[in-house]
């Protein structure tokens, strides 16, 4: 019985370590275009965002703002998919320039930092980094994925 408990504990440690790893971005090609604006995404690796579907298909974006437009109006941009079909959302951490889980990220709006499409939602893995960025770059608000609305995105265009 003791061995089973140790085995379960070790499995938990291994699996929790895997959860702590950075989000795995899909390898995009130089020909991939943002489905919202049509720009080639490879030109903007520091702002890259992705939605990966459970069937292995994906969409890549030149910035979080366009990804959010797609996410909030999936019926317009990809009528064959539903939000429930999404496996992962990956965004690029502004300071670390690494892929992070977009569902867990903190987003700053209204800053003096612009992305490829102008005003941008700037993503961070850590809330402390987002707060520091807000102070340094005149950010107006800090939110999570569920705080992003179509009205907010319209105000950023």
Foldseek 3Di string as FASTA:
>chain_A
DVVVVVVVVVVVVVVVVVVPDFDDDDDDDQPAAALQPGHRQVVQLLAKKKWAFPVGDIHIYNHVLSVLVCLQPVCVRPVVDDNVRTDFIWTAANPVRTIHGLQQWKWFFDFPDATPVGTHTHTHNDPVVVVVCCVVTVTDDIDGSVVDDPVVSVVRD
